[in-house]
Amino acid sequence: MSAKPQLRLRMRVTVDDTIAIGPGKIALLEALDETRSITAAAKALGMSYRRAWALIDELNRSLKEPAVISAAGGSQGGGSELSPSGRQLLDLYRGIEAQAQAACKPDIQRLLKLLA
């Protein structure tokens, strides 16, 4: 039995050749919000800490205000959390996705009916 076809919208905001905001960075922010740790968020997504840190750094540099605030490590460890700007970014991104999906629902249904 084959899986039922599904359409996923994948929004990206680019600045020149850089993906400033995209599905990977949003997934990383969501994982970080849940784990409060770049290391744990990276592990949850199957990526290296170095890659996760680079994505967060690139995202923070692309925004007027950083999306992630990190505390230095120590005896209690460091930690990271979303800034108010990061929370707003997540909410807006997921809201736009939901609105686009809803607005295109009839066309999406017709498109999916073309698949075997």
PDB file of N, CA and C in Angstrom:
ATOM      1  N   MET A   1       0.847  -1.180   0.000  1.00  0.00           N
ATOM      2  CA  MET A   1       0.000   0.000   0.000  1.00  0.00           C
ATOM      3  C   MET A   1       0.895   1.245   0.000  1.00  0.00           C
ATOM      4  N   SER A   2       0.640   2.153  -0.899  1.00  0.00           N
ATOM      5  CA  SER A   2       1.450   3.361  -0.970  1.00  0.00           C
ATOM      6  C   SER A   2       0.871   4.452  -0.073  1.00  0.00           C
ATOM      7  N   ALA A   3       1.738   5.352   0.325  1.00  0.00           N
ATOM      8  CA  ALA A   3       1.324   6.458   1.189  1.00  0.00           C
ATOM      9  C   ALA A   3       0.467   7.439   0.398  1.00  0.00           C
ATOM     10  N   LYS A   4      -0.413   8.099   1.112  1.00  0.00           N
ATOM     11  CA  LYS A   4      -1.265   9.117   0.506  1.00  0.00           C
ATOM     12  C   LYS A   4      -0.418  10.357   0.180  1.00  0.00           C
ATOM     13  N   PRO A   5      -0.505  10.876  -1.043  1.00  0.00           N
ATOM     14  CA  PRO A   5       0.289  12.056  -1.400  1.00  0.00           C
ATOM     15  C   PRO A   5      -0.104  13.267  -0.540  1.00  0.00           C
ATOM     16  N   GLN A   6       0.900  14.032  -0.169  1.00  0.00           N
ATOM     17  CA  GLN A   6       0.681  15.257   0.594  1.00  0.00           C
ATOM     18  C   GLN A   6       1.507  16.365  -0.019  1.00  0.00           C
ATOM     19  N   LEU A   7       0.997  17.563   0.005  1.00  0.00           N
ATOM     20  CA  LEU A   7       1.722  18.714  -0.500  1.00  0.00           C
ATOM     21  C   LEU A   7       2.250  19.499   0.697  1.00  0.00           C
ATOM     22  N   ARG A   8       3.534  19.842   0.643  1.00  0.00           N
ATOM     23  CA  ARG A   8       4.135  20.664   1.688  1.00  0.00           C
ATOM     24  C   ARG A   8       4.663  21.937   1.047  1.00  0.00           C
ATOM     25  N   LEU A   9       4.239  23.052   1.574  1.00  0.00           N
ATOM     26  CA  LEU A   9       4.764  24.330   1.111  1.00  0.00           C
ATOM     27  C   LEU A   9       6.070  24.585   1.866  1.00  0.00           C
ATOM     28  N   ARG A  10       7.088  25.002   1.160  1.00  0.00           N
ATOM     29  CA  ARG A  10       8.398  25.246   1.769  1.00  0.00           C
ATOM     30  C   ARG A  10       8.817  26.679   1.440  1.00  0.00           C
ATOM     31  N   MET A  11       8.540  27.563   2.341  1.00  0.00           N
ATOM     32  CA  MET A  11       8.809  28.981   2.142  1.00  0.00           C
ATOM     33  C   MET A  11      10.256  29.309   2.512  1.00  0.00           C
ATOM     34  N   ARG A  12      10.882  30.129   1.690  1.00  0.00           N
ATOM     35  CA  ARG A  12      12.231  30.618   1.961  1.00  0.00           C
ATOM     36  C   ARG A  12      12.269  32.127   1.720  1.00  0.00           C
ATOM     37  N   VAL A  13      12.992  32.815   2.582  1.00  0.00           N
ATOM     38  CA  VAL A  13      13.251  34.236   2.389  1.00  0.00           C
ATOM     39  C   VAL A  13      14.745  34.339   2.128  1.00  0.00           C
ATOM     40  N   THR A  14      15.096  34.879   0.970  1.00  0.00           N
ATOM     41  CA  THR A  14      16.508  34.974   0.611  1.00  0.00           C
ATOM     42  C   THR A  14      16.971  36.419   0.578  1.00  0.00           C
ATOM     43  N   VAL A  15      18.244  36.577   0.862  1.00  0.00           N
ATOM     44  CA  VAL A  15      18.927  37.858   0.714  1.00  0.00           C
ATOM     45  C   VAL A  15      20.160  37.534  -0.113  1.00  0.00           C
ATOM     46  N   ASP A  16      20.163  38.004  -1.348  1.00  0.00           N
ATOM     47  CA  ASP A  16      21.190  37.606  -2.317  1.00  0.00           C
ATOM     48  C   ASP A  16      21.157  36.079  -2.429  1.00  0.00           C
ATOM     49  N   ASP A  17      22.276  35.412  -2.191  1.00  0.00           N
ATOM     50  CA  ASP A  17      22.324  33.953  -2.302  1.00  0.00           C
ATOM     51  C   ASP A  17      22.112  33.244  -0.963  1.00  0.00           C
ATOM     52  N   THR A  18      21.858  34.001   0.084  1.00  0.00           N
ATOM     53  CA  THR A  18      21.699  33.435   1.421  1.00  0.00           C
ATOM     54  C   THR A  18      20.231  33.188   1.726  1.00  0.00           C
ATOM     55  N   ILE A  19      19.928  32.004   2.228  1.00  0.00           N
ATOM     56  CA  ILE A  19      18.576  31.738   2.728  1.00  0.00           C
ATOM     57  C   ILE A  19      18.533  32.288   4.150  1.00  0.00           C
ATOM     58  N   ALA A  20      17.930  33.463   4.298  1.00  0.00           N
ATOM     59  CA  ALA A  20      17.862  34.113   5.603  1.00  0.00           C
ATOM     60  C   ALA A  20      16.905  33.367   6.533  1.00  0.00           C
ATOM     61  N   ILE A  21      15.775  32.954   5.983  1.00  0.00           N
ATOM     62  CA  ILE A  21      14.757  32.225   6.751  1.00  0.00           C
ATOM     63  C   ILE A  21      14.252  31.103   5.853  1.00  0.00           C
ATOM     64  N   GLY A  22      14.224  29.900   6.381  1.00  0.00           N
ATOM     65  CA  GLY A  22      13.731  28.765   5.616  1.00  0.00           C
ATOM     66  C   GLY A  22      13.307  27.636   6.532  1.00  0.00           C
ATOM     67  N   PRO A  23      12.809  26.569   5.960  1.00  0.00           N
ATOM     68  CA  PRO A  23      12.259  25.478   6.769  1.00  0.00           C
ATOM     69  C   PRO A  23      13.269  24.831   7.717  1.00  0.00           C
ATOM     70  N   GLY A  24      14.525  24.730   7.303  1.00  0.00           N
ATOM     71  CA  GLY A  24      15.532  24.139   8.181  1.00  0.00           C
ATOM     72  C   GLY A  24      15.815  24.995   9.405  1.00  0.00           C
ATOM     73  N   LYS A  25      15.917  26.288   9.193  1.00  0.00           N
ATOM     74  CA  LYS A  25      16.180  27.198  10.311  1.00  0.00           C
ATOM     75  C   LYS A  25      14.977  27.275  11.233  1.00  0.00           C
ATOM     76  N   ILE A  26      13.781  27.222  10.666  1.00  0.00           N
ATOM     77  CA  ILE A  26      12.571  27.242  11.490  1.00  0.00           C
ATOM     78  C   ILE A  26      12.482  25.968  12.330  1.00  0.00           C
ATOM     79  N   ALA A  27      12.775  24.819  11.720  1.00  0.00           N
ATOM     80  CA  ALA A  27      12.768  23.553  12.468  1.00  0.00           C
ATOM     81  C   ALA A  27      13.804  23.592  13.592  1.00  0.00           C
ATOM     82  N   LEU A  28      14.959  24.187  13.319  1.00  0.00           N
ATOM     83  CA  LEU A  28      15.992  24.312  14.345  1.00  0.00           C
ATOM     84  C   LEU A  28      15.522  25.215  15.482  1.00  0.00           C
ATOM     85  N   LEU A  29      14.881  26.327  15.156  1.00  0.00           N
ATOM     86  CA  LEU A  29      14.344  27.205  16.206  1.00  0.00           C
ATOM     87  C   LEU A  29      13.303  26.472  17.049  1.00  0.00           C
ATOM     88  N   GLU A  30      12.441  25.694  16.420  1.00  0.00           N
ATOM     89  CA  GLU A  30      11.430  24.940  17.167  1.00  0.00           C
ATOM     90  C   GLU A  30      12.076  23.913  18.090  1.00  0.00           C
ATOM     91  N   ALA A  31      13.097  23.217  17.591  1.00  0.00           N
ATOM     92  CA  ALA A  31      13.794  22.234  18.419  1.00  0.00           C
ATOM     93  C   ALA A  31      14.528  22.920  19.568  1.00  0.00           C
ATOM     94  N   LEU A  32      15.139  24.059  19.290  1.00  0.00           N
ATOM     95  CA  LEU A  32      15.831  24.809  20.329  1.00  0.00           C
ATOM     96  C   LEU A  32      14.846  25.309  21.385  1.00  0.00           C
ATOM     97  N   ASP A  33      13.690  25.742  20.946  1.00  0.00           N
ATOM     98  CA  ASP A  33      12.667  26.211  21.877  1.00  0.00           C
ATOM     99  C   ASP A  33      12.230  25.085  22.814  1.00  0.00           C
ATOM    100  N   GLU A  34      12.176  23.881  22.268  1.00  0.00           N
ATOM    101  CA  GLU A  34      11.762  22.725  23.069  1.00  0.00           C
ATOM    102  C   GLU A  34      12.865  22.252  24.008  1.00  0.00           C
ATOM    103  N   THR A  35      14.109  22.257  23.537  1.00  0.00           N
ATOM    104  CA  THR A  35      15.209  21.687  24.312  1.00  0.00           C
ATOM    105  C   THR A  35      15.999  22.712  25.114  1.00  0.00           C
ATOM    106  N   ARG A  36      15.934  23.972  24.721  1.00  0.00           N
ATOM    107  CA  ARG A  36      16.704  25.050  25.345  1.00  0.00           C
ATOM    108  C   ARG A  36      18.216  24.823  25.223  1.00  0.00           C
ATOM    109  N   SER A  37      18.612  24.120  24.171  1.00  0.00           N
ATOM    110  CA  SER A  37      20.019  23.796  23.977  1.00  0.00           C
ATOM    111  C   SER A  37      20.300  23.629  22.490  1.00  0.00           C
ATOM    112  N   ILE A  38      21.351  24.298  22.001  1.00  0.00           N
ATOM    113  CA  ILE A  38      21.728  24.137  20.600  1.00  0.00           C
ATOM    114  C   ILE A  38      22.185  22.701  20.364  1.00  0.00           C
ATOM    115  N   THR A  39      22.952  22.158  21.303  1.00  0.00           N
ATOM    116  CA  THR A  39      23.442  20.785  21.168  1.00  0.00           C
ATOM    117  C   THR A  39      22.283  19.797  21.082  1.00  0.00           C
ATOM    118  N   ALA A  40      21.316  19.912  21.996  1.00  0.00           N
ATOM    119  CA  ALA A  40      20.172  18.994  22.001  1.00  0.00           C
ATOM    120  C   ALA A  40      19.287  19.196  20.777  1.00  0.00           C
ATOM    121  N   ALA A  41      19.115  20.440  20.355  1.00  0.00           N
ATOM    122  CA  ALA A  41      18.302  20.722  19.162  1.00  0.00           C
ATOM    123  C   ALA A  41      18.962  20.108  17.923  1.00  0.00           C
ATOM    124  N   ALA A  42      20.272  20.269  17.820  1.00  0.00           N
ATOM    125  CA  ALA A  42      21.001  19.687  16.693  1.00  0.00           C
ATOM    126  C   ALA A  42      20.856  18.174  16.693  1.00  0.00           C
ATOM    127  N   LYS A  43      21.028  17.570  17.842  1.00  0.00           N
ATOM    128  CA  LYS A  43      20.913  16.111  17.966  1.00  0.00           C
ATOM    129  C   LYS A  43      19.513  15.646  17.576  1.00  0.00           C
ATOM    130  N   ALA A  44      18.497  16.369  18.014  1.00  0.00           N
ATOM    131  CA  ALA A  44      17.103  16.003  17.705  1.00  0.00           C
ATOM    132  C   ALA A  44      16.841  16.044  16.202  1.00  0.00           C
ATOM    133  N   LEU A  45      17.560  16.915  15.498  1.00  0.00           N
ATOM    134  CA  LEU A  45      17.364  17.064  14.054  1.00  0.00           C
ATOM    135  C   LEU A  45      18.389  16.276  13.242  1.00  0.00           C
ATOM    136  N   GLY A  46      19.276  15.561  13.924  1.00  0.00           N
ATOM    137  CA  GLY A  46      20.272  14.758  13.219  1.00  0.00           C
ATOM    138  C   GLY A  46      21.341  15.582  12.527  1.00  0.00           C
ATOM    139  N   MET A  47      21.710  16.715  13.119  1.00  0.00           N
ATOM    140  CA  MET A  47      22.765  17.537  12.527  1.00  0.00           C
ATOM    141  C   MET A  47      23.851  17.779  13.556  1.00  0.00           C
ATOM    142  N   SER A  48      24.990  18.191  13.089  1.00  0.00           N
ATOM    143  CA  SER A  48      26.096  18.466  13.998  1.00  0.00           C
ATOM    144  C   SER A  48      25.846  19.778  14.743  1.00  0.00           C
ATOM    145  N   TYR A  49      26.491  19.908  15.896  1.00  0.00           N
ATOM    146  CA  TYR A  49      26.417  21.154  16.642  1.00  0.00           C
ATOM    147  C   TYR A  49      26.964  22.293  15.779  1.00  0.00           C
ATOM    148  N   ARG A  50      28.047  22.024  15.096  1.00  0.00           N
ATOM    149  CA  ARG A  50      28.677  23.053  14.257  1.00  0.00           C
ATOM    150  C   ARG A  50      27.709  23.573  13.200  1.00  0.00           C
ATOM    151  N   ARG A  51      26.978  22.672  12.548  1.00  0.00           N
ATOM    152  CA  ARG A  51      26.002  23.067  11.523  1.00  0.00           C
ATOM    153  C   ARG A  51      24.869  23.877  12.157  1.00  0.00           C
ATOM    154  N   ALA A  52      24.362  23.415  13.293  1.00  0.00           N
ATOM    155  CA  ALA A  52      23.271  24.121  13.978  1.00  0.00           C
ATOM    156  C   ALA A  52      23.717  25.526  14.382  1.00  0.00           C
ATOM    157  N   TRP A  53      24.924  25.619  14.946  1.00  0.00           N
ATOM    158  CA  TRP A  53      25.430  26.921  15.365  1.00  0.00           C
ATOM    159  C   TRP A  53      25.577  27.844  14.164  1.00  0.00           C
ATOM    160  N   ALA A  54      26.080  27.313  13.048  1.00  0.00           N
ATOM    161  CA  ALA A  54      26.254  28.128  11.837  1.00  0.00           C
ATOM    162  C   ALA A  54      24.912  28.633  11.313  1.00  0.00           C
ATOM    163  N   LEU A  55      23.894  27.783  11.342  1.00  0.00           N
ATOM    164  CA  LEU A  55      22.561  28.199  10.882  1.00  0.00           C
ATOM    165  C   LEU A  55      21.982  29.292  11.785  1.00  0.00           C
ATOM    166  N   ILE A  56      22.139  29.120  13.082  1.00  0.00           N
ATOM    167  CA  ILE A  56      21.622  30.123  14.032  1.00  0.00           C
ATOM    168  C   ILE A  56      22.385  31.435  13.866  1.00  0.00           C
ATOM    169  N   ASP A  57      23.693  31.345  13.705  1.00  0.00           N
ATOM    170  CA  ASP A  57      24.493  32.554  13.505  1.00  0.00           C
ATOM    171  C   ASP A  57      24.073  33.281  12.229  1.00  0.00           C
ATOM    172  N   GLU A  58      23.887  32.524  11.161  1.00  0.00           N
ATOM    173  CA  GLU A  58      23.459  33.114   9.883  1.00  0.00           C
ATOM    174  C   GLU A  58      22.080  33.759  10.030  1.00  0.00           C
ATOM    175  N   LEU A  59      21.170  33.083  10.714  1.00  0.00           N
ATOM    176  CA  LEU A  59      19.833  33.624  10.947  1.00  0.00           C
ATOM    177  C   LEU A  59      19.916  34.907  11.771  1.00  0.00           C
ATOM    178  N   ASN A  60      20.653  34.857  12.879  1.00  0.00           N
ATOM    179  CA  ASN A  60      20.771  36.039  13.736  1.00  0.00           C
ATOM    180  C   ASN A  60      21.358  37.230  12.979  1.00  0.00           C
ATOM    181  N   ARG A  61      22.344  36.991  12.110  1.00  0.00           N
ATOM    182  CA  ARG A  61      22.951  38.073  11.332  1.00  0.00           C
ATOM    183  C   ARG A  61      22.003  38.614  10.267  1.00  0.00           C
ATOM    184  N   SER A  62      21.021  37.809   9.865  1.00  0.00           N
ATOM    185  CA  SER A  62      20.065  38.222   8.831  1.00  0.00           C
ATOM    186  C   SER A  62      18.937  39.079   9.391  1.00  0.00           C
ATOM    187  N   LEU A  63      18.748  39.041  10.691  1.00  0.00           N
ATOM    188  CA  LEU A  63      17.630  39.737  11.332  1.00  0.00           C
ATOM    189  C   LEU A  63      18.079  41.043  11.976  1.00  0.00           C
ATOM    190  N   LYS A  64      17.133  41.945  12.177  1.00  0.00           N
ATOM    191  CA  LYS A  64      17.431  43.192  12.884  1.00  0.00           C
ATOM    192  C   LYS A  64      17.787  42.908  14.339  1.00  0.00           C
ATOM    193  N   GLU A  65      17.104  41.938  14.937  1.00  0.00           N
ATOM    194  CA  GLU A  65      17.364  41.522  16.318  1.00  0.00           C
ATOM    195  C   GLU A  65      17.556  40.016  16.305  1.00  0.00           C
ATOM    196  N   PRO A  66      18.462  39.485  17.128  1.00  0.00           N
ATOM    197  CA  PRO A  66      18.715  38.040  17.102  1.00  0.00           C
ATOM    198  C   PRO A  66      17.473  37.225  17.491  1.00  0.00           C
ATOM    199  N   ALA A  67      17.358  36.059  16.861  1.00  0.00           N
ATOM    200  CA  ALA A  67      16.257  35.141  17.161  1.00  0.00           C
ATOM    201  C   ALA A  67      16.582  34.255  18.352  1.00  0.00           C
ATOM    202  N   VAL A  68      17.875  34.050  18.602  1.00  0.00           N
ATOM    203  CA  VAL A  68      18.330  33.148  19.651  1.00  0.00           C
ATOM    204  C   VAL A  68      19.278  33.898  20.576  1.00  0.00           C
ATOM    205  N   ILE A  69      19.071  33.700  21.866  1.00  0.00           N
ATOM    206  CA  ILE A  69      19.942  34.256  22.888  1.00  0.00           C
ATOM    207  C   ILE A  69      20.594  33.075  23.597  1.00  0.00           C
ATOM    208  N   SER A  70      21.917  33.084  23.655  1.00  0.00           N
ATOM    209  CA  SER A  70      22.647  31.984  24.284  1.00  0.00           C
ATOM    210  C   SER A  70      23.391  32.488  25.503  1.00  0.00           C
ATOM    211  N   ALA A  71      23.420  31.635  26.530  1.00  0.00           N
ATOM    212  CA  ALA A  71      24.189  31.923  27.736  1.00  0.00           C
ATOM    213  C   ALA A  71      25.467  31.102  27.675  1.00  0.00           C
ATOM    214  N   ALA A  72      26.554  31.654  28.174  1.00  0.00           N
ATOM    215  CA  ALA A  72      27.829  30.938  28.180  1.00  0.00           C
ATOM    216  C   ALA A  72      27.733  29.724  29.100  1.00  0.00           C
ATOM    217  N   GLY A  73      28.492  28.703  28.764  1.00  0.00           N
ATOM    218  CA  GLY A  73      28.522  27.485  29.589  1.00  0.00           C
ATOM    219  C   GLY A  73      29.158  27.777  30.936  1.00  0.00           C
ATOM    220  N   GLY A  74      29.065  26.849  31.811  1.00  0.00           N
ATOM    221  CA  GLY A  74      29.624  26.988  33.157  1.00  0.00           C
ATOM    222  C   GLY A  74      29.334  25.717  33.911  1.00  0.00           C
ATOM    223  N   SER A  75      29.358  25.780  35.219  1.00  0.00           N
ATOM    224  CA  SER A  75      29.109  24.583  36.023  1.00  0.00           C
ATOM    225  C   SER A  75      27.699  24.052  35.799  1.00  0.00           C
ATOM    226  N   GLN A  76      26.774  24.934  35.522  1.00  0.00           N
ATOM    227  CA  GLN A  76      25.393  24.529  35.246  1.00  0.00           C
ATOM    228  C   GLN A  76      25.143  24.362  33.747  1.00  0.00           C
ATOM    229  N   GLY A  77      26.160  24.563  32.937  1.00  0.00           N
ATOM    230  CA  GLY A  77      25.990  24.486  31.489  1.00  0.00           C
ATOM    231  C   GLY A  77      25.466  25.808  30.967  1.00  0.00           C
ATOM    232  N   GLY A  78      25.438  25.928  29.679  1.00  0.00           N
ATOM    233  CA  GLY A  78      24.954  27.161  29.064  1.00  0.00           C
ATOM    234  C   GLY A  78      23.458  27.076  28.866  1.00  0.00           C
ATOM    235  N   GLY A  79      23.057  27.281  27.699  1.00  0.00           N
ATOM    236  CA  GLY A  79      21.642  27.227  27.375  1.00  0.00           C
ATOM    237  C   GLY A  79      21.322  28.284  26.346  1.00  0.00           C
ATOM    238  N   SER A  80      20.267  28.062  25.644  1.00  0.00           N
ATOM    239  CA  SER A  80      19.825  29.000  24.618  1.00  0.00           C
ATOM    240  C   SER A  80      18.315  29.083  24.654  1.00  0.00           C
ATOM    241  N   GLU A  81      17.813  30.222  24.232  1.00  0.00           N
ATOM    242  CA  GLU A  81      16.369  30.391  24.159  1.00  0.00           C
ATOM    243  C   GLU A  81      16.032  31.358  23.044  1.00  0.00           C
ATOM    244  N   LEU A  82      14.777  31.298  22.642  1.00  0.00           N
ATOM    245  CA  LEU A  82      14.303  32.229  21.632  1.00  0.00           C
ATOM    246  C   LEU A  82      14.144  33.601  22.258  1.00  0.00           C
ATOM    247  N   SER A  83      14.528  34.605  21.510  1.00  0.00           N
ATOM    248  CA  SER A  83      14.274  35.978  21.915  1.00  0.00           C
ATOM    249  C   SER A  83      12.820  36.294  21.549  1.00  0.00           C
ATOM    250  N   PRO A  84      12.298  37.419  22.013  1.00  0.00           N
ATOM    251  CA  PRO A  84      10.956  37.811  21.549  1.00  0.00           C
ATOM    252  C   PRO A  84      10.889  37.885  20.018  1.00  0.00           C
ATOM    253  N   SER A  85      11.960  38.344  19.394  1.00  0.00           N
ATOM    254  CA  SER A  85      12.005  38.410  17.936  1.00  0.00           C
ATOM    255  C   SER A  85      11.963  37.003  17.328  1.00  0.00           C
ATOM    256  N   GLY A  86      12.659  36.061  17.943  1.00  0.00           N
ATOM    257  CA  GLY A  86      12.644  34.678  17.480  1.00  0.00           C
ATOM    258  C   GLY A  86      11.271  34.050  17.602  1.00  0.00           C
ATOM    259  N   ARG A  87      10.603  34.327  18.697  1.00  0.00           N
ATOM    260  CA  ARG A  87       9.235  33.817  18.908  1.00  0.00           C
ATOM    261  C   ARG A  87       8.307  34.393  17.853  1.00  0.00           C
ATOM    262  N   GLN A  88       8.434  35.701  17.591  1.00  0.00           N
ATOM    263  CA  GLN A  88       7.598  36.351  16.576  1.00  0.00           C
ATOM    264  C   GLN A  88       7.879  35.756  15.196  1.00  0.00           C
ATOM    265  N   LEU A  89       9.140  35.509  14.896  1.00  0.00           N
ATOM    266  CA  LEU A  89       9.520  34.907  13.616  1.00  0.00           C
ATOM    267  C   LEU A  89       8.852  33.548  13.438  1.00  0.00           C
ATOM    268  N   LEU A  90       8.932  32.697  14.456  1.00  0.00           N
ATOM    269  CA  LEU A  90       8.284  31.376  14.388  1.00  0.00           C
ATOM    270  C   LEU A  90       6.788  31.501  14.158  1.00  0.00           C
ATOM    271  N   ASP A  91       6.153  32.352  14.946  1.00  0.00           N
ATOM    272  CA  ASP A  91       4.700  32.515  14.835  1.00  0.00           C
ATOM    273  C   ASP A  91       4.296  33.023  13.446  1.00  0.00           C
ATOM    274  N   LEU A  92       5.021  34.012  12.936  1.00  0.00           N
ATOM    275  CA  LEU A  92       4.704  34.560  11.611  1.00  0.00           C
ATOM    276  C   LEU A  92       4.937  33.525  10.518  1.00  0.00           C
ATOM    277  N   TYR A  93       6.054  32.822  10.570  1.00  0.00           N
ATOM    278  CA  TYR A  93       6.385  31.827   9.549  1.00  0.00           C
ATOM    279  C   TYR A  93       5.324  30.744   9.493  1.00  0.00           C
ATOM    280  N   ARG A  94       4.998  30.159  10.635  1.00  0.00           N
ATOM    281  CA  ARG A  94       3.998  29.088  10.665  1.00  0.00           C
ATOM    282  C   ARG A  94       2.609  29.619  10.306  1.00  0.00           C
ATOM    283  N   GLY A  95       2.303  30.851  10.690  1.00  0.00           N
ATOM    284  CA  GLY A  95       1.017  31.451  10.325  1.00  0.00           C
ATOM    285  C   GLY A  95       0.888  31.676   8.831  1.00  0.00           C
ATOM    286  N   ILE A  96       1.950  32.160   8.201  1.00  0.00           N
ATOM    287  CA  ILE A  96       1.936  32.368   6.753  1.00  0.00           C
ATOM    288  C   ILE A  96       1.767  31.032   6.042  1.00  0.00           C
ATOM    289  N   GLU A  97       2.482  30.014   6.501  1.00  0.00           N
ATOM    290  CA  GLU A  97       2.331  28.677   5.905  1.00  0.00           C
ATOM    291  C   GLU A  97       0.880  28.204   5.978  1.00  0.00           C
ATOM    292  N   ALA A  98       0.286  28.339   7.152  1.00  0.00           N
ATOM    293  CA  ALA A  98      -1.098  27.875   7.348  1.00  0.00           C
ATOM    294  C   ALA A  98      -2.070  28.653   6.463  1.00  0.00           C
ATOM    295  N   GLN A  99      -1.884  29.976   6.382  1.00  0.00           N
ATOM    296  CA  GLN A  99      -2.761  30.794   5.546  1.00  0.00           C
ATOM    297  C   GLN A  99      -2.611  30.447   4.068  1.00  0.00           C
ATOM    298  N   ALA A 100      -1.384  30.232   3.625  1.00  0.00           N
ATOM    299  CA  ALA A 100      -1.144  29.881   2.224  1.00  0.00           C
ATOM    300  C   ALA A 100      -1.771  28.528   1.905  1.00  0.00           C
ATOM    301  N   GLN A 101      -1.597  27.573   2.802  1.00  0.00           N
ATOM    302  CA  GLN A 101      -2.176  26.238   2.610  1.00  0.00           C
ATOM    303  C   GLN A 101      -3.695  26.329   2.525  1.00  0.00           C
ATOM    304  N   ALA A 102      -4.306  27.105   3.422  1.00  0.00           N
ATOM    305  CA  ALA A 102      -5.760  27.247   3.426  1.00  0.00           C
ATOM    306  C   ALA A 102      -6.252  27.957   2.169  1.00  0.00           C
ATOM    307  N   ALA A 103      -5.548  28.999   1.754  1.00  0.00           N
ATOM    308  CA  ALA A 103      -5.965  29.762   0.572  1.00  0.00           C
ATOM    309  C   ALA A 103      -5.866  28.927  -0.707  1.00  0.00           C
ATOM    310  N   CYS A 104      -4.937  28.009  -0.732  1.00  0.00           N
ATOM    311  CA  CYS A 104      -4.707  27.194  -1.937  1.00  0.00           C
ATOM    312  C   CYS A 104      -5.364  25.815  -1.854  1.00  0.00           C
ATOM    313  N   LYS A 105      -6.135  25.560  -0.821  1.00  0.00           N
ATOM    314  CA  LYS A 105      -6.671  24.221  -0.582  1.00  0.00           C
ATOM    315  C   LYS A 105      -7.379  23.607  -1.794  1.00  0.00           C
ATOM    316  N   PRO A 106      -8.300  24.314  -2.455  1.00  0.00           N
ATOM    317  CA  PRO A 106      -8.971  23.692  -3.613  1.00  0.00           C
ATOM    318  C   PRO A 106      -7.996  23.295  -4.723  1.00  0.00           C
ATOM    319  N   ASP A 107      -7.043  24.168  -5.021  1.00  0.00           N
ATOM    320  CA  ASP A 107      -6.057  23.857  -6.062  1.00  0.00           C
ATOM    321  C   ASP A 107      -5.141  22.712  -5.622  1.00  0.00           C
ATOM    322  N   ILE A 108      -4.775  22.697  -4.358  1.00  0.00           N
ATOM    323  CA  ILE A 108      -3.936  21.606  -3.843  1.00  0.00           C
ATOM    324  C   ILE A 108      -4.669  20.279  -3.973  1.00  0.00           C
ATOM    325  N   GLN A 109      -5.946  20.252  -3.631  1.00  0.00           N
ATOM    326  CA  GLN A 109      -6.730  19.016  -3.745  1.00  0.00           C
ATOM    327  C   GLN A 109      -6.798  18.540  -5.194  1.00  0.00           C
ATOM    328  N   ARG A 110      -6.994  19.464  -6.117  1.00  0.00           N
ATOM    329  CA  ARG A 110      -7.039  19.090  -7.530  1.00  0.00           C
ATOM    330  C   ARG A 110      -5.687  18.575  -8.009  1.00  0.00           C
ATOM    331  N   LEU A 111      -4.636  19.214  -7.564  1.00  0.00           N
ATOM    332  CA  LEU A 111      -3.286  18.784  -7.923  1.00  0.00           C
ATOM    333  C   LEU A 111      -3.007  17.372  -7.402  1.00  0.00           C
ATOM    334  N   LEU A 112      -3.365  17.119  -6.169  1.00  0.00           N
ATOM    335  CA  LEU A 112      -3.096  15.812  -5.572  1.00  0.00           C
ATOM    336  C   LEU A 112      -3.910  14.709  -6.246  1.00  0.00           C
ATOM    337  N   LYS A 113      -5.063  15.036  -6.786  1.00  0.00           N
ATOM    338  CA  LYS A 113      -5.878  14.039  -7.486  1.00  0.00           C
ATOM    339  C   LYS A 113      -5.221  13.582  -8.790  1.00  0.00           C
ATOM    340  N   LEU A 114      -4.254  14.335  -9.270  1.00  0.00           N
ATOM    341  CA  LEU A 114      -3.546  13.953 -10.492  1.00  0.00           C
ATOM    342  C   LEU A 114      -2.504  12.856 -10.245  1.00  0.00           C
ATOM    343  N   LEU A 115      -2.188  12.649  -8.971  1.00  0.00           N
ATOM    344  CA  LEU A 115      -1.159  11.669  -8.621  1.00  0.00           C
ATOM    345  C   LEU A 115      -1.744  10.258  -8.525  1.00  0.00           C
ATOM    346  N   ALA A 116      -0.912   9.280  -8.840  1.00  0.00           N
ATOM    347  CA  ALA A 116      -1.338   7.876  -8.768  1.00  0.00           C
ATOM    348  C   ALA A 116      -1.468   7.430  -7.323  1.00  0.00           C
TER     349      ALA A 116
END
